[in-house]
């Protein structure tokens, strides 16, 4: 992953871990029924899968948990949340994380959809049944959620935000806000009178603001150890709990922020395609199977770095940590308790 510190124009950034989990198995999955927005419930195996992934992640600290508001995702997220021993956040539901809308195909079998695509002379993978979302629309929805998440985390936990909140008295010269500069610029454009201050001067003020910000950070960096900063007391308490004999299967290498997202096969697939194809994230040999849907309750993890530069243009870089991990479903000692099922339909 490219280091953001090589870019001297970065003015704020944040690191966080993103953990993607697909919902557990439903009766419709097992019976080969396309669900889409049908609000189906977990099967008996699905409940066991959700508990298995919950136990697997029980000592992994999550600072945020998001879920689709459909039952199968909601219940999976609830089991993970309920079994977790070190997280204190609540589940937030977001309709952007819902499964793809399949229109007239909802409640039908995948074989029925294949035949319909053939009748219309369209390859199955490219076919959109009447009333359904296109895969491009699903991707747009997934990207919208991810970008919104990145912005919210940067605003609340960005490096500049933390330093200015904690050390305001040491950085009084940094009080000029970007918003005020833009307001001045707008007033200048809308006024019919001549002003002594020009747009170029405003741009100069903005550059000075950035330079002052950097200067302020440098003086702070020289006097404090940034690694000692914590985002809140709860995170510190959870880290103390994690120092015991039990540990998470995933280590947070550089951040105390870990976002769990419980969603659906199509959304997770399109999000990963966005990471790999648009953001150029290296996912190794998994690129060959990127069109395949994640298995039920499988875990995919990324380290995310989100930053903005002086022109307020965002940059996102990701590093893949784990891909469709389902070891929590496999019982090598007793096949009867093996929850790694192959569904007739994954949608």
C-alpha atoms as a PDB file:
ATOM      1  CA  UNK A   1       0.000   0.000   0.000  1.00  0.00           C
ATOM      2  CA  UNK A   2       1.311   3.421  -0.952  1.00  0.00           C
ATOM      3  CA  UNK A   3       2.323   5.527   2.014  1.00  0.00           C
ATOM      4  CA  UNK A   4       0.362   8.769   2.239  1.00  0.00           C
ATOM      5  CA  UNK A   5       3.279  10.435   3.982  1.00  0.00           C
ATOM      6  CA  UNK A   6       5.102  10.692   0.658  1.00  0.00           C
ATOM      7  CA  UNK A   7       2.543  13.289  -0.430  1.00  0.00           C
ATOM      8  CA  UNK A   8       3.383  16.611   1.214  1.00  0.00           C
ATOM      9  CA  UNK A   9       0.004  18.078   0.238  1.00  0.00           C
ATOM     10  CA  UNK A  10      -2.050  15.774   2.478  1.00  0.00           C
ATOM     11  CA  UNK A  11      -3.830  17.872   5.111  1.00  0.00           C
ATOM     12  CA  UNK A  12      -5.853  15.182   6.918  1.00  0.00           C
ATOM     13  CA  UNK A  13      -6.120  11.397   6.967  1.00  0.00           C
ATOM     14  CA  UNK A  14      -7.490   8.474   8.925  1.00  0.00           C
ATOM     15  CA  UNK A  15      -6.750   4.747   9.118  1.00  0.00           C
ATOM     16  CA  UNK A  16      -9.412   2.143   9.825  1.00  0.00           C
ATOM     17  CA  UNK A  17     -10.083  -1.543   9.325  1.00  0.00           C
ATOM     18  CA  UNK A  18     -13.087  -2.649   7.273  1.00  0.00           C
ATOM     19  CA  UNK A  19     -14.565  -6.076   8.022  1.00  0.00           C
ATOM     20  CA  UNK A  20     -17.185  -7.362   5.557  1.00  0.00           C
ATOM     21  CA  UNK A  21     -19.443 -10.273   6.541  1.00  0.00           C
ATOM     22  CA  UNK A  22     -22.173 -11.787   4.397  1.00  0.00           C
ATOM     23  CA  UNK A  23     -25.393 -12.802   6.156  1.00  0.00           C
ATOM     24  CA  UNK A  24     -25.942 -16.413   7.239  1.00  0.00           C
ATOM     25  CA  UNK A  25     -27.890 -18.989   5.228  1.00  0.00           C
ATOM     26  CA  UNK A  26     -31.654 -18.610   4.738  1.00  0.00           C
ATOM     27  CA  UNK A  27     -34.304 -21.166   3.779  1.00  0.00           C
ATOM     28  CA  UNK A  28     -34.439 -19.505   0.363  1.00  0.00           C
ATOM     29  CA  UNK A  29     -30.664 -19.969  -0.069  1.00  0.00           C
ATOM     30  CA  UNK A  30     -31.016 -23.670   0.682  1.00  0.00           C
ATOM     31  CA  UNK A  31     -34.028 -24.087  -1.631  1.00  0.00           C
ATOM     32  CA  UNK A  32     -32.553 -22.228  -4.579  1.00  0.00           C
ATOM     33  CA  UNK A  33     -34.878 -19.216  -4.401  1.00  0.00           C
ATOM     34  CA  UNK A  34     -33.777 -15.731  -5.484  1.00  0.00           C
ATOM     35  CA  UNK A  35     -34.476 -13.408  -2.553  1.00  0.00           C
ATOM     36  CA  UNK A  36     -33.544  -9.888  -3.579  1.00  0.00           C
ATOM     37  CA  UNK A  37     -35.547  -7.588  -1.308  1.00  0.00           C
ATOM     38  CA  UNK A  38     -37.750 -10.395   0.036  1.00  0.00           C
ATOM     39  CA  UNK A  39     -37.346 -10.214   3.817  1.00  0.00           C
ATOM     40  CA  UNK A  40     -36.442 -13.851   4.415  1.00  0.00           C
ATOM     41  CA  UNK A  41     -35.298 -15.399   7.691  1.00  0.00           C
ATOM     42  CA  UNK A  42     -32.319 -17.546   8.591  1.00  0.00           C
ATOM     43  CA  UNK A  43     -32.539 -21.319   8.356  1.00  0.00           C
ATOM     44  CA  UNK A  44     -31.553 -23.565  11.273  1.00  0.00           C
ATOM     45  CA  UNK A  45     -28.113 -23.919   9.732  1.00  0.00           C
ATOM     46  CA  UNK A  46     -28.062 -20.154   9.226  1.00  0.00           C
ATOM     47  CA  UNK A  47     -28.591 -19.510  12.937  1.00  0.00           C
ATOM     48  CA  UNK A  48     -25.748 -21.884  13.728  1.00  0.00           C
ATOM     49  CA  UNK A  49     -23.557 -20.138  11.152  1.00  0.00           C
ATOM     50  CA  UNK A  50     -24.295 -16.716  12.660  1.00  0.00           C
ATOM     51  CA  UNK A  51     -23.378 -17.986  16.118  1.00  0.00           C
ATOM     52  CA  UNK A  52     -20.211 -19.582  14.732  1.00  0.00           C
ATOM     53  CA  UNK A  53     -19.000 -16.333  13.162  1.00  0.00           C
ATOM     54  CA  UNK A  54     -20.013 -14.501  16.350  1.00  0.00           C
ATOM     55  CA  UNK A  55     -17.876 -16.811  18.481  1.00  0.00           C
ATOM     56  CA  UNK A  56     -15.010 -16.501  16.001  1.00  0.00           C
ATOM     57  CA  UNK A  57     -15.069 -12.696  16.330  1.00  0.00           C
ATOM     58  CA  UNK A  58     -16.008 -12.516  20.017  1.00  0.00           C
ATOM     59  CA  UNK A  59     -12.661 -10.995  21.066  1.00  0.00           C
ATOM     60  CA  UNK A  60     -12.320  -8.698  18.072  1.00  0.00           C
ATOM     61  CA  UNK A  61     -13.003  -5.058  18.924  1.00  0.00           C
ATOM     62  CA  UNK A  62     -15.400  -3.214  16.609  1.00  0.00           C
ATOM     63  CA  UNK A  63     -15.743   0.544  16.912  1.00  0.00           C
ATOM     64  CA  UNK A  64     -18.687   0.617  14.485  1.00  0.00           C
ATOM     65  CA  UNK A  65     -21.210  -1.979  13.287  1.00  0.00           C
ATOM     66  CA  UNK A  66     -23.391  -1.428  10.218  1.00  0.00           C
ATOM     67  CA  UNK A  67     -25.979  -3.779   8.759  1.00  0.00           C
ATOM     68  CA  UNK A  68     -28.549  -3.996   6.026  1.00  0.00           C
ATOM     69  CA  UNK A  69     -32.047  -3.617   7.466  1.00  0.00           C
ATOM     70  CA  UNK A  70     -33.244  -6.918   5.946  1.00  0.00           C
ATOM     71  CA  UNK A  71     -33.872  -9.677   8.515  1.00  0.00           C
ATOM     72  CA  UNK A  72     -31.217 -12.122   7.338  1.00  0.00           C
ATOM     73  CA  UNK A  73     -28.500  -9.503   7.653  1.00  0.00           C
ATOM     74  CA  UNK A  74     -29.943  -7.944  10.791  1.00  0.00           C
ATOM     75  CA  UNK A  75     -30.066 -11.279  12.630  1.00  0.00           C
ATOM     76  CA  UNK A  76     -26.499 -12.155  11.604  1.00  0.00           C
ATOM     77  CA  UNK A  77     -25.265  -8.778  12.854  1.00  0.00           C
ATOM     78  CA  UNK A  78     -27.256  -9.224  16.070  1.00  0.00           C
ATOM     79  CA  UNK A  79     -25.596 -12.570  16.819  1.00  0.00           C
ATOM     80  CA  UNK A  80     -22.110 -11.133  16.206  1.00  0.00           C
ATOM     81  CA  UNK A  81     -22.931  -8.120  18.395  1.00  0.00           C
ATOM     82  CA  UNK A  82     -24.480 -10.225  21.169  1.00  0.00           C
ATOM     83  CA  UNK A  83     -21.583 -12.681  21.361  1.00  0.00           C
ATOM     84  CA  UNK A  84     -18.861 -10.024  21.195  1.00  0.00           C
ATOM     85  CA  UNK A  85     -17.093  -9.567  24.549  1.00  0.00           C
ATOM     86  CA  UNK A  86     -15.089  -6.403  23.877  1.00  0.00           C
ATOM     87  CA  UNK A  87     -17.225  -4.049  21.756  1.00  0.00           C
ATOM     88  CA  UNK A  88     -19.729  -1.548  23.135  1.00  0.00           C
ATOM     89  CA  UNK A  89     -21.079   0.102  19.965  1.00  0.00           C
ATOM     90  CA  UNK A  90     -24.640  -0.327  18.753  1.00  0.00           C
ATOM     91  CA  UNK A  91     -25.730  -1.658  15.368  1.00  0.00           C
ATOM     92  CA  UNK A  92     -26.642   0.977  12.783  1.00  0.00           C
ATOM     93  CA  UNK A  93     -28.909  -0.033   9.920  1.00  0.00           C
ATOM     94  CA  UNK A  94     -28.538   1.356   6.407  1.00  0.00           C
ATOM     95  CA  UNK A  95     -30.791   0.647   3.426  1.00  0.00           C
ATOM     96  CA  UNK A  96     -27.820   1.259   1.099  1.00  0.00           C
ATOM     97  CA  UNK A  97     -26.557  -2.164   2.227  1.00  0.00           C
ATOM     98  CA  UNK A  98     -29.661  -4.054   1.046  1.00  0.00           C
ATOM     99  CA  UNK A  99     -29.454  -6.899  -1.446  1.00  0.00           C
ATOM    100  CA  UNK A 100     -29.950  -6.242  -5.137  1.00  0.00           C
ATOM    101  CA  UNK A 101     -33.570  -5.754  -6.148  1.00  0.00           C
ATOM    102  CA  UNK A 102     -34.463  -8.589  -8.552  1.00  0.00           C
ATOM    103  CA  UNK A 103     -37.907  -7.452  -9.714  1.00  0.00           C
ATOM    104  CA  UNK A 104     -40.072 -10.233 -11.168  1.00  0.00           C
ATOM    105  CA  UNK A 105     -37.340 -12.797 -10.391  1.00  0.00           C
ATOM    106  CA  UNK A 106     -37.774 -12.459  -6.617  1.00  0.00           C
ATOM    107  CA  UNK A 107     -39.258 -15.665  -5.239  1.00  0.00           C
ATOM    108  CA  UNK A 108     -38.261 -17.585  -8.388  1.00  0.00           C
ATOM    109  CA  UNK A 109     -35.462 -20.093  -8.878  1.00  0.00           C
ATOM    110  CA  UNK A 110     -32.134 -19.263 -10.437  1.00  0.00           C
ATOM    111  CA  UNK A 111     -32.861 -21.804 -13.177  1.00  0.00           C
ATOM    112  CA  UNK A 112     -36.041 -19.881 -14.025  1.00  0.00           C
ATOM    113  CA  UNK A 113     -33.978 -16.713 -14.356  1.00  0.00           C
ATOM    114  CA  UNK A 114     -31.468 -18.470 -16.617  1.00  0.00           C
ATOM    115  CA  UNK A 115     -34.258 -19.579 -18.931  1.00  0.00           C
ATOM    116  CA  UNK A 116     -35.740 -16.068 -18.988  1.00  0.00           C
ATOM    117  CA  UNK A 117     -32.355 -14.624 -19.941  1.00  0.00           C
ATOM    118  CA  UNK A 118     -32.024 -17.211 -22.724  1.00  0.00           C
ATOM    119  CA  UNK A 119     -35.493 -16.341 -24.058  1.00  0.00           C
ATOM    120  CA  UNK A 120     -34.443 -12.689 -24.241  1.00  0.00           C
ATOM    121  CA  UNK A 121     -31.175 -13.530 -25.992  1.00  0.00           C
ATOM    122  CA  UNK A 122     -29.040 -12.023 -23.218  1.00  0.00           C
ATOM    123  CA  UNK A 123     -26.176 -13.817 -21.406  1.00  0.00           C
ATOM    124  CA  UNK A 124     -27.282 -14.755 -17.886  1.00  0.00           C
ATOM    125  CA  UNK A 125     -24.525 -12.752 -16.194  1.00  0.00           C
ATOM    126  CA  UNK A 126     -25.604  -9.579 -18.050  1.00  0.00           C
ATOM    127  CA  UNK A 127     -29.363 -10.064 -17.806  1.00  0.00           C
ATOM    128  CA  UNK A 128     -31.499  -7.666 -15.762  1.00  0.00           C
ATOM    129  CA  UNK A 129     -35.070  -8.939 -15.258  1.00  0.00           C
ATOM    130  CA  UNK A 130     -37.929  -6.419 -15.437  1.00  0.00           C
ATOM    131  CA  UNK A 131     -38.192  -4.327 -12.269  1.00  0.00           C
ATOM    132  CA  UNK A 132     -34.674  -5.238 -11.099  1.00  0.00           C
ATOM    133  CA  UNK A 133     -31.603  -3.150 -10.332  1.00  0.00           C
ATOM    134  CA  UNK A 134     -28.668  -3.412 -12.673  1.00  0.00           C
ATOM    135  CA  UNK A 135     -25.340  -4.499 -11.209  1.00  0.00           C
ATOM    136  CA  UNK A 136     -24.074  -0.978 -11.960  1.00  0.00           C
ATOM    137  CA  UNK A 137     -26.820   0.460  -9.749  1.00  0.00           C
ATOM    138  CA  UNK A 138     -25.900  -1.943  -6.942  1.00  0.00           C
ATOM    139  CA  UNK A 139     -22.261  -0.905  -7.228  1.00  0.00           C
ATOM    140  CA  UNK A 140     -23.238   2.782  -7.159  1.00  0.00           C
ATOM    141  CA  UNK A 141     -25.201   2.143  -3.962  1.00  0.00           C
ATOM    142  CA  UNK A 142     -22.318   0.255  -2.336  1.00  0.00           C
ATOM    143  CA  UNK A 143     -19.835   2.991  -3.297  1.00  0.00           C
ATOM    144  CA  UNK A 144     -22.158   5.650  -1.894  1.00  0.00           C
ATOM    145  CA  UNK A 145     -22.193   3.857   1.468  1.00  0.00           C
ATOM    146  CA  UNK A 146     -18.405   3.420   1.518  1.00  0.00           C
ATOM    147  CA  UNK A 147     -17.663   7.038   0.631  1.00  0.00           C
ATOM    148  CA  UNK A 148     -20.139   8.275   3.217  1.00  0.00           C
ATOM    149  CA  UNK A 149     -18.496   6.021   5.809  1.00  0.00           C
ATOM    150  CA  UNK A 150     -15.016   7.330   4.951  1.00  0.00           C
ATOM    151  CA  UNK A 151     -16.105  10.964   5.199  1.00  0.00           C
ATOM    152  CA  UNK A 152     -17.850  10.450   8.538  1.00  0.00           C
ATOM    153  CA  UNK A 153     -14.839   8.678  10.054  1.00  0.00           C
ATOM    154  CA  UNK A 154     -12.434  11.336   8.766  1.00  0.00           C
ATOM    155  CA  UNK A 155     -14.556  14.151  10.216  1.00  0.00           C
ATOM    156  CA  UNK A 156     -14.737  12.492  13.624  1.00  0.00           C
ATOM    157  CA  UNK A 157     -11.399  10.688  13.880  1.00  0.00           C
ATOM    158  CA  UNK A 158      -9.081  12.372  11.369  1.00  0.00           C
ATOM    159  CA  UNK A 159      -5.608  13.250  12.637  1.00  0.00           C
ATOM    160  CA  UNK A 160      -6.159  16.992  12.347  1.00  0.00           C
ATOM    161  CA  UNK A 161      -9.476  16.710  14.215  1.00  0.00           C
ATOM    162  CA  UNK A 162      -7.884  14.857  17.133  1.00  0.00           C
ATOM    163  CA  UNK A 163      -4.903  17.193  17.433  1.00  0.00           C
ATOM    164  CA  UNK A 164      -6.910  20.405  17.241  1.00  0.00           C
ATOM    165  CA  UNK A 165      -9.419  19.186  19.800  1.00  0.00           C
ATOM    166  CA  UNK A 166      -6.735  18.128  22.242  1.00  0.00           C
ATOM    167  CA  UNK A 167      -4.235  20.927  21.691  1.00  0.00           C
ATOM    168  CA  UNK A 168      -6.277  23.987  20.697  1.00  0.00           C
ATOM    169  CA  UNK A 169      -4.433  26.235  23.113  1.00  0.00           C
ATOM    170  CA  UNK A 170      -1.122  25.368  21.437  1.00  0.00           C
ATOM    171  CA  UNK A 171      -2.444  26.136  17.964  1.00  0.00           C
ATOM    172  CA  UNK A 172      -4.395  29.404  18.120  1.00  0.00           C
ATOM    173  CA  UNK A 173      -2.953  30.536  14.801  1.00  0.00           C
ATOM    174  CA  UNK A 174      -4.788  27.695  13.048  1.00  0.00           C
ATOM    175  CA  UNK A 175      -8.244  29.070  13.791  1.00  0.00           C
ATOM    176  CA  UNK A 176      -8.926  30.326  10.269  1.00  0.00           C
ATOM    177  CA  UNK A 177     -11.448  27.846   8.836  1.00  0.00           C
ATOM    178  CA  UNK A 178     -11.680  26.683   5.273  1.00  0.00           C
ATOM    179  CA  UNK A 179     -15.394  27.427   5.396  1.00  0.00           C
ATOM    180  CA  UNK A 180     -14.768  31.101   6.179  1.00  0.00           C
ATOM    181  CA  UNK A 181     -12.397  31.377   3.262  1.00  0.00           C
ATOM    182  CA  UNK A 182     -14.997  29.949   0.916  1.00  0.00           C
ATOM    183  CA  UNK A 183     -17.620  32.327   2.342  1.00  0.00           C
ATOM    184  CA  UNK A 184     -15.306  35.266   1.661  1.00  0.00           C
ATOM    185  CA  UNK A 185     -14.769  34.007  -1.851  1.00  0.00           C
ATOM    186  CA  UNK A 186     -18.525  33.717  -2.442  1.00  0.00           C
ATOM    187  CA  UNK A 187     -19.163  37.215  -1.109  1.00  0.00           C
ATOM    188  CA  UNK A 188     -16.452  38.563  -3.353  1.00  0.00           C
ATOM    189  CA  UNK A 189     -17.967  36.967  -6.442  1.00  0.00           C
ATOM    190  CA  UNK A 190     -21.516  38.139  -5.629  1.00  0.00           C
ATOM    191  CA  UNK A 191     -20.593  41.732  -4.773  1.00  0.00           C
ATOM    192  CA  UNK A 192     -20.834  44.459  -7.390  1.00  0.00           C
ATOM    193  CA  UNK A 193     -18.454  46.653  -5.457  1.00  0.00           C
ATOM    194  CA  UNK A 194     -14.697  46.552  -5.636  1.00  0.00           C
ATOM    195  CA  UNK A 195     -12.941  44.976  -2.724  1.00  0.00           C
ATOM    196  CA  UNK A 196      -9.369  45.277  -1.706  1.00  0.00           C
ATOM    197  CA  UNK A 197      -9.190  41.531  -1.094  1.00  0.00           C
ATOM    198  CA  UNK A 198      -9.050  39.411  -4.253  1.00  0.00           C
ATOM    199  CA  UNK A 199      -9.788  35.770  -4.965  1.00  0.00           C
ATOM    200  CA  UNK A 200      -6.061  35.268  -5.346  1.00  0.00           C
ATOM    201  CA  UNK A 201      -5.541  36.677  -1.859  1.00  0.00           C
ATOM    202  CA  UNK A 202      -8.129  34.264  -0.504  1.00  0.00           C
ATOM    203  CA  UNK A 203      -6.280  31.386  -2.138  1.00  0.00           C
ATOM    204  CA  UNK A 204      -3.091  32.692  -0.531  1.00  0.00           C
ATOM    205  CA  UNK A 205      -4.852  32.797   2.848  1.00  0.00           C
ATOM    206  CA  UNK A 206      -5.923  29.196   2.346  1.00  0.00           C
ATOM    207  CA  UNK A 207      -2.358  28.143   1.552  1.00  0.00           C
ATOM    208  CA  UNK A 208      -1.172  29.998   4.644  1.00  0.00           C
ATOM    209  CA  UNK A 209      -3.819  28.176   6.644  1.00  0.00           C
ATOM    210  CA  UNK A 210      -2.435  24.847   5.440  1.00  0.00           C
ATOM    211  CA  UNK A 211       1.137  25.922   6.200  1.00  0.00           C
ATOM    212  CA  UNK A 212       0.114  27.058   9.676  1.00  0.00           C
ATOM    213  CA  UNK A 213      -1.658  23.769  10.179  1.00  0.00           C
ATOM    214  CA  UNK A 214       1.483  21.870   9.215  1.00  0.00           C
ATOM    215  CA  UNK A 215       3.602  24.101  11.446  1.00  0.00           C
ATOM    216  CA  UNK A 216       1.202  23.552  14.279  1.00  0.00           C
ATOM    217  CA  UNK A 217       1.314  19.792  13.773  1.00  0.00           C
ATOM    218  CA  UNK A 218       5.102  19.789  13.623  1.00  0.00           C
ATOM    219  CA  UNK A 219       5.369  21.607  16.943  1.00  0.00           C
ATOM    220  CA  UNK A 220       2.894  19.231  18.509  1.00  0.00           C
ATOM    221  CA  UNK A 221       4.552  16.142  17.008  1.00  0.00           C
ATOM    222  CA  UNK A 222       7.875  17.197  18.507  1.00  0.00           C
ATOM    223  CA  UNK A 223       6.450  17.403  22.014  1.00  0.00           C
ATOM    224  CA  UNK A 224       4.054  14.448  22.183  1.00  0.00           C
ATOM    225  CA  UNK A 225       4.002  10.814  21.190  1.00  0.00           C
ATOM    226  CA  UNK A 226       1.146  10.474  18.682  1.00  0.00           C
ATOM    227  CA  UNK A 227       0.904   6.756  19.376  1.00  0.00           C
ATOM    228  CA  UNK A 228      -0.330   7.612  22.847  1.00  0.00           C
ATOM    229  CA  UNK A 229      -3.451   9.328  21.483  1.00  0.00           C
ATOM    230  CA  UNK A 230      -6.710   7.376  21.787  1.00  0.00           C
ATOM    231  CA  UNK A 231      -9.990   8.238  20.192  1.00  0.00           C
ATOM    232  CA  UNK A 232     -12.018   7.759  23.347  1.00  0.00           C
ATOM    233  CA  UNK A 233     -11.897   6.108  26.737  1.00  0.00           C
ATOM    234  CA  UNK A 234     -13.996   3.166  25.594  1.00  0.00           C
ATOM    235  CA  UNK A 235     -11.384   2.097  23.042  1.00  0.00           C
ATOM    236  CA  UNK A 236      -8.695   2.234  25.715  1.00  0.00           C
ATOM    237  CA  UNK A 237     -10.804   0.083  28.036  1.00  0.00           C
ATOM    238  CA  UNK A 238     -11.436  -2.474  25.293  1.00  0.00           C
ATOM    239  CA  UNK A 239      -7.736  -2.664  24.493  1.00  0.00           C
ATOM    240  CA  UNK A 240      -7.063  -3.511  28.152  1.00  0.00           C
ATOM    241  CA  UNK A 241      -9.582  -6.333  27.887  1.00  0.00           C
ATOM    242  CA  UNK A 242      -7.838  -7.598  24.770  1.00  0.00           C
ATOM    243  CA  UNK A 243      -4.563  -7.971  26.656  1.00  0.00           C
ATOM    244  CA  UNK A 244      -5.905 -11.094  28.333  1.00  0.00           C
ATOM    245  CA  UNK A 245      -5.433 -14.696  27.244  1.00  0.00           C
ATOM    246  CA  UNK A 246      -8.095 -14.457  24.514  1.00  0.00           C
ATOM    247  CA  UNK A 247      -7.312 -12.664  21.274  1.00  0.00           C
ATOM    248  CA  UNK A 248      -8.973 -11.661  18.042  1.00  0.00           C
ATOM    249  CA  UNK A 249      -8.135 -13.676  14.912  1.00  0.00           C
ATOM    250  CA  UNK A 250      -7.276 -10.307  13.319  1.00  0.00           C
ATOM    251  CA  UNK A 251      -4.727  -7.886  14.710  1.00  0.00           C
ATOM    252  CA  UNK A 252      -5.235  -4.138  14.391  1.00  0.00           C
ATOM    253  CA  UNK A 253      -1.772  -3.103  13.208  1.00  0.00           C
ATOM    254  CA  UNK A 254      -2.161   0.660  13.165  1.00  0.00           C
ATOM    255  CA  UNK A 255      -5.641   1.681  14.274  1.00  0.00           C
ATOM    256  CA  UNK A 256      -8.266   1.279  16.967  1.00  0.00           C
ATOM    257  CA  UNK A 257     -11.017   1.869  14.423  1.00  0.00           C
ATOM    258  CA  UNK A 258     -12.608  -1.269  13.014  1.00  0.00           C
ATOM    259  CA  UNK A 259     -15.863  -1.097  11.082  1.00  0.00           C
ATOM    260  CA  UNK A 260     -17.987  -4.236  10.737  1.00  0.00           C
ATOM    261  CA  UNK A 261     -20.387  -4.263   7.787  1.00  0.00           C
ATOM    262  CA  UNK A 262     -22.923  -7.095   7.526  1.00  0.00           C
ATOM    263  CA  UNK A 263     -24.557  -7.174   4.123  1.00  0.00           C
ATOM    264  CA  UNK A 264     -25.473  -9.332   1.120  1.00  0.00           C
ATOM    265  CA  UNK A 265     -23.683 -11.192  -1.643  1.00  0.00           C
ATOM    266  CA  UNK A 266     -24.243  -8.684  -4.442  1.00  0.00           C
ATOM    267  CA  UNK A 267     -23.320  -5.643  -2.352  1.00  0.00           C
ATOM    268  CA  UNK A 268     -20.112  -7.195  -1.014  1.00  0.00           C
ATOM    269  CA  UNK A 269     -19.129  -8.393  -4.493  1.00  0.00           C
ATOM    270  CA  UNK A 270     -19.671  -4.973  -6.091  1.00  0.00           C
ATOM    271  CA  UNK A 271     -17.799  -3.253  -3.261  1.00  0.00           C
ATOM    272  CA  UNK A 272     -14.805  -5.561  -3.713  1.00  0.00           C
ATOM    273  CA  UNK A 273     -14.933  -4.981  -7.491  1.00  0.00           C
ATOM    274  CA  UNK A 274     -14.833  -1.238  -6.818  1.00  0.00           C
ATOM    275  CA  UNK A 275     -11.802  -1.683  -4.558  1.00  0.00           C
ATOM    276  CA  UNK A 276      -9.954  -3.897  -7.046  1.00  0.00           C
ATOM    277  CA  UNK A 277     -10.903  -2.288 -10.367  1.00  0.00           C
ATOM    278  CA  UNK A 278     -11.380   1.394  -9.518  1.00  0.00           C
ATOM    279  CA  UNK A 279      -9.088   1.887  -6.513  1.00  0.00           C
ATOM    280  CA  UNK A 280      -6.471  -0.588  -7.826  1.00  0.00           C
ATOM    281  CA  UNK A 281      -6.373  -2.639  -4.626  1.00  0.00           C
ATOM    282  CA  UNK A 282      -4.225  -5.750  -4.956  1.00  0.00           C
ATOM    283  CA  UNK A 283      -6.377  -8.791  -4.130  1.00  0.00           C
ATOM    284  CA  UNK A 284      -3.949 -11.313  -5.623  1.00  0.00           C
ATOM    285  CA  UNK A 285      -5.313 -14.478  -7.197  1.00  0.00           C
ATOM    286  CA  UNK A 286      -8.773 -13.673  -5.831  1.00  0.00           C
ATOM    287  CA  UNK A 287      -9.180 -11.419  -8.868  1.00  0.00           C
ATOM    288  CA  UNK A 288      -9.867 -14.575 -10.917  1.00  0.00           C
ATOM    289  CA  UNK A 289     -12.998 -15.336  -8.872  1.00  0.00           C
ATOM    290  CA  UNK A 290     -14.127 -11.767  -8.175  1.00  0.00           C
ATOM    291  CA  UNK A 291     -17.512 -12.401  -9.846  1.00  0.00           C
ATOM    292  CA  UNK A 292     -18.331 -15.166  -7.354  1.00  0.00           C
ATOM    293  CA  UNK A 293     -20.473 -14.308  -4.346  1.00  0.00           C
ATOM    294  CA  UNK A 294     -19.053 -14.543  -0.841  1.00  0.00           C
ATOM    295  CA  UNK A 295     -20.106 -17.671   1.085  1.00  0.00           C
ATOM    296  CA  UNK A 296     -22.586 -17.170   3.931  1.00  0.00           C
ATOM    297  CA  UNK A 297     -20.912 -15.564   7.008  1.00  0.00           C
ATOM    298  CA  UNK A 298     -17.537 -15.439   5.243  1.00  0.00           C
ATOM    299  CA  UNK A 299     -15.194 -12.660   6.420  1.00  0.00           C
ATOM    300  CA  UNK A 300     -13.281 -10.272   4.160  1.00  0.00           C
ATOM    301  CA  UNK A 301     -10.984  -7.654   5.743  1.00  0.00           C
ATOM    302  CA  UNK A 302      -9.179  -4.564   4.473  1.00  0.00           C
ATOM    303  CA  UNK A 303      -6.959  -1.867   5.978  1.00  0.00           C
ATOM    304  CA  UNK A 304      -8.235   1.467   4.686  1.00  0.00           C
ATOM    305  CA  UNK A 305      -6.391   4.787   4.495  1.00  0.00           C
ATOM    306  CA  UNK A 306      -8.565   7.762   3.584  1.00  0.00           C
ATOM    307  CA  UNK A 307      -7.021  11.193   3.099  1.00  0.00           C
ATOM    308  CA  UNK A 308      -7.711  14.625   1.601  1.00  0.00           C
ATOM    309  CA  UNK A 309      -5.256  17.055   0.044  1.00  0.00           C
ATOM    310  CA  UNK A 310      -5.078  20.845  -0.092  1.00  0.00           C
ATOM    311  CA  UNK A 311      -7.684  20.934  -2.867  1.00  0.00           C
ATOM    312  CA  UNK A 312      -9.982  18.795  -0.664  1.00  0.00           C
ATOM    313  CA  UNK A 313      -9.674  15.906  -3.129  1.00  0.00           C
ATOM    314  CA  UNK A 314      -9.970  12.525  -1.350  1.00  0.00           C
ATOM    315  CA  UNK A 315      -7.638   9.574  -1.875  1.00  0.00           C
ATOM    316  CA  UNK A 316      -8.442   6.041  -0.735  1.00  0.00           C
ATOM    317  CA  UNK A 317      -5.952   3.175  -0.521  1.00  0.00           C
ATOM    318  CA  UNK A 318      -6.704  -0.322   0.729  1.00  0.00           C
ATOM    319  CA  UNK A 319      -4.711  -3.386   1.701  1.00  0.00           C
ATOM    320  CA  UNK A 320      -6.349  -6.816   1.663  1.00  0.00           C
ATOM    321  CA  UNK A 321      -5.991  -8.734   4.931  1.00  0.00           C
ATOM    322  CA  UNK A 322      -8.367 -11.679   4.497  1.00  0.00           C
ATOM    323  CA  UNK A 323     -10.670 -12.863   1.724  1.00  0.00           C
ATOM    324  CA  UNK A 324     -13.898 -14.859   2.155  1.00  0.00           C
ATOM    325  CA  UNK A 325     -12.593 -16.567   5.289  1.00  0.00           C
ATOM    326  CA  UNK A 326     -14.985 -19.307   6.434  1.00  0.00           C
ATOM    327  CA  UNK A 327     -12.779 -21.388   8.712  1.00  0.00           C
ATOM    328  CA  UNK A 328     -15.272 -20.823  11.541  1.00  0.00           C
ATOM    329  CA  UNK A 329     -17.781 -22.964   9.615  1.00  0.00           C
ATOM    330  CA  UNK A 330     -15.506 -25.954   9.139  1.00  0.00           C
ATOM    331  CA  UNK A 331     -15.281 -28.754  11.690  1.00  0.00           C
ATOM    332  CA  UNK A 332     -12.613 -31.203  10.603  1.00  0.00           C
ATOM    333  CA  UNK A 333     -13.263 -33.478  13.582  1.00  0.00           C
ATOM    334  CA  UNK A 334     -16.969 -34.052  13.022  1.00  0.00           C
ATOM    335  CA  UNK A 335     -18.603 -33.658   9.605  1.00  0.00           C
ATOM    336  CA  UNK A 336     -22.032 -33.560  11.289  1.00  0.00           C
ATOM    337  CA  UNK A 337     -21.164 -30.131  12.688  1.00  0.00           C
ATOM    338  CA  UNK A 338     -19.694 -28.799   9.450  1.00  0.00           C
ATOM    339  CA  UNK A 339     -21.620 -25.611   8.573  1.00  0.00           C
ATOM    340  CA  UNK A 340     -19.834 -24.919   5.287  1.00  0.00           C
ATOM    341  CA  UNK A 341     -22.859 -25.626   3.097  1.00  0.00           C
ATOM    342  CA  UNK A 342     -23.144 -25.108  -0.657  1.00  0.00           C
ATOM    343  CA  UNK A 343     -26.401 -23.359  -1.504  1.00  0.00           C
ATOM    344  CA  UNK A 344     -28.487 -24.003  -4.591  1.00  0.00           C
ATOM    345  CA  UNK A 345     -28.861 -20.244  -4.871  1.00  0.00           C
ATOM    346  CA  UNK A 346     -26.596 -17.545  -3.462  1.00  0.00           C
ATOM    347  CA  UNK A 347     -28.756 -14.507  -4.212  1.00  0.00           C
END
